[in-house]
């Protein structure tokens, strides 16, 4: 994962590639690490996603899912 900020890469940087389509797959732990790094980064979601090789729409979906899970546990 490439980072354009001074933010360190998530601790588990292994990316799982899916088949011949070449799409990147991230483990749940990697997603959480990226979301935590985003919270600390001060970047826009678009800039952060682009800098870490994640599709913006996918990144937004991860944020939405995390937000929904947080409200379900309250």
C-alpha atoms as a PDB file:
ATOM      1  CA  UNK A   1       0.000   0.000   0.000  1.00  0.00           C
ATOM      2  CA  UNK A   2       1.414   3.368  -0.920  1.00  0.00           C
ATOM      3  CA  UNK A   3       0.995   6.292   1.378  1.00  0.00           C
ATOM      4  CA  UNK A   4       1.282   9.906   0.305  1.00  0.00           C
ATOM      5  CA  UNK A   5       1.186  11.162   3.885  1.00  0.00           C
ATOM      6  CA  UNK A   6       3.566  10.725   6.785  1.00  0.00           C
ATOM      7  CA  UNK A   7       1.061   8.266   8.248  1.00  0.00           C
ATOM      8  CA  UNK A   8       2.571   4.785   8.632  1.00  0.00           C
ATOM      9  CA  UNK A   9       1.140   1.950   6.592  1.00  0.00           C
ATOM     10  CA  UNK A  10      -1.210  -0.405   8.450  1.00  0.00           C
ATOM     11  CA  UNK A  11       0.622  -3.026  10.496  1.00  0.00           C
ATOM     12  CA  UNK A  12      -0.429  -5.992   8.350  1.00  0.00           C
ATOM     13  CA  UNK A  13       0.499  -4.813   4.884  1.00  0.00           C
ATOM     14  CA  UNK A  14      -0.107  -8.087   3.041  1.00  0.00           C
ATOM     15  CA  UNK A  15      -2.790  -7.663   0.406  1.00  0.00           C
ATOM     16  CA  UNK A  16      -4.753 -10.577  -0.950  1.00  0.00           C
ATOM     17  CA  UNK A  17      -5.295 -10.380  -4.719  1.00  0.00           C
ATOM     18  CA  UNK A  18      -8.406 -11.968  -6.129  1.00  0.00           C
ATOM     19  CA  UNK A  19      -8.057 -14.078  -9.245  1.00  0.00           C
ATOM     20  CA  UNK A  20      -7.293 -12.664 -12.640  1.00  0.00           C
ATOM     21  CA  UNK A  21      -9.307  -9.472 -12.135  1.00  0.00           C
ATOM     22  CA  UNK A  22      -6.441  -8.022 -10.081  1.00  0.00           C
ATOM     23  CA  UNK A  23      -8.709  -6.356  -7.536  1.00  0.00           C
ATOM     24  CA  UNK A  24      -7.173  -5.798  -4.137  1.00  0.00           C
ATOM     25  CA  UNK A  25      -8.704  -7.561  -1.163  1.00  0.00           C
ATOM     26  CA  UNK A  26      -8.182  -6.420   2.413  1.00  0.00           C
ATOM     27  CA  UNK A  27      -8.735  -8.447   5.570  1.00  0.00           C
ATOM     28  CA  UNK A  28     -11.095  -7.030   8.212  1.00  0.00           C
ATOM     29  CA  UNK A  29      -8.046  -6.185  10.345  1.00  0.00           C
ATOM     30  CA  UNK A  30      -6.466  -4.291   7.442  1.00  0.00           C
ATOM     31  CA  UNK A  31      -9.697  -2.373   6.876  1.00  0.00           C
ATOM     32  CA  UNK A  32      -9.814  -1.399  10.547  1.00  0.00           C
ATOM     33  CA  UNK A  33      -6.156  -0.319  10.458  1.00  0.00           C
ATOM     34  CA  UNK A  34      -6.820   1.829   7.387  1.00  0.00           C
ATOM     35  CA  UNK A  35      -9.910   3.418   8.953  1.00  0.00           C
ATOM     36  CA  UNK A  36      -7.989   4.163  12.161  1.00  0.00           C
ATOM     37  CA  UNK A  37      -5.129   5.666  10.142  1.00  0.00           C
ATOM     38  CA  UNK A  38      -7.652   7.780   8.220  1.00  0.00           C
ATOM     39  CA  UNK A  39      -9.112   9.109  11.475  1.00  0.00           C
ATOM     40  CA  UNK A  40      -5.632  10.307  12.498  1.00  0.00           C
ATOM     41  CA  UNK A  41      -4.577  11.562   9.058  1.00  0.00           C
ATOM     42  CA  UNK A  42      -6.506  14.797   8.657  1.00  0.00           C
ATOM     43  CA  UNK A  43      -6.939  13.998   4.951  1.00  0.00           C
ATOM     44  CA  UNK A  44     -10.171  13.898   3.017  1.00  0.00           C
ATOM     45  CA  UNK A  45     -11.581  10.424   2.444  1.00  0.00           C
ATOM     46  CA  UNK A  46     -10.863  10.729  -1.266  1.00  0.00           C
ATOM     47  CA  UNK A  47      -7.227  11.749  -0.774  1.00  0.00           C
ATOM     48  CA  UNK A  48      -6.635   9.044   1.824  1.00  0.00           C
ATOM     49  CA  UNK A  49      -8.238   6.286  -0.255  1.00  0.00           C
ATOM     50  CA  UNK A  50      -6.315   7.310  -3.365  1.00  0.00           C
ATOM     51  CA  UNK A  51      -3.058   7.455  -1.420  1.00  0.00           C
ATOM     52  CA  UNK A  52      -3.577   3.935  -0.073  1.00  0.00           C
ATOM     53  CA  UNK A  53      -4.747   2.281  -3.288  1.00  0.00           C
ATOM     54  CA  UNK A  54      -8.360   1.851  -2.209  1.00  0.00           C
ATOM     55  CA  UNK A  55     -11.342   2.696  -4.397  1.00  0.00           C
ATOM     56  CA  UNK A  56     -13.069   5.760  -2.927  1.00  0.00           C
ATOM     57  CA  UNK A  57     -16.523   4.150  -3.037  1.00  0.00           C
ATOM     58  CA  UNK A  58     -15.180   1.059  -1.281  1.00  0.00           C
ATOM     59  CA  UNK A  59     -13.575   3.202   1.398  1.00  0.00           C
ATOM     60  CA  UNK A  60     -16.832   5.079   1.974  1.00  0.00           C
ATOM     61  CA  UNK A  61     -18.661   1.738   2.300  1.00  0.00           C
ATOM     62  CA  UNK A  62     -16.151   0.638   4.958  1.00  0.00           C
ATOM     63  CA  UNK A  63     -16.763   3.874   6.870  1.00  0.00           C
ATOM     64  CA  UNK A  64     -20.533   3.452   6.646  1.00  0.00           C
ATOM     65  CA  UNK A  65     -20.337  -0.152   7.861  1.00  0.00           C
ATOM     66  CA  UNK A  66     -18.129   0.842  10.806  1.00  0.00           C
ATOM     67  CA  UNK A  67     -20.516   3.668  11.718  1.00  0.00           C
ATOM     68  CA  UNK A  68     -23.535   1.329  11.541  1.00  0.00           C
ATOM     69  CA  UNK A  69     -21.787  -1.277  13.691  1.00  0.00           C
ATOM     70  CA  UNK A  70     -20.914   1.383  16.266  1.00  0.00           C
ATOM     71  CA  UNK A  71     -24.553   2.471  16.565  1.00  0.00           C
ATOM     72  CA  UNK A  72     -25.733  -1.157  16.813  1.00  0.00           C
ATOM     73  CA  UNK A  73     -23.507  -1.810  19.840  1.00  0.00           C
ATOM     74  CA  UNK A  74     -24.806   1.165  21.828  1.00  0.00           C
END
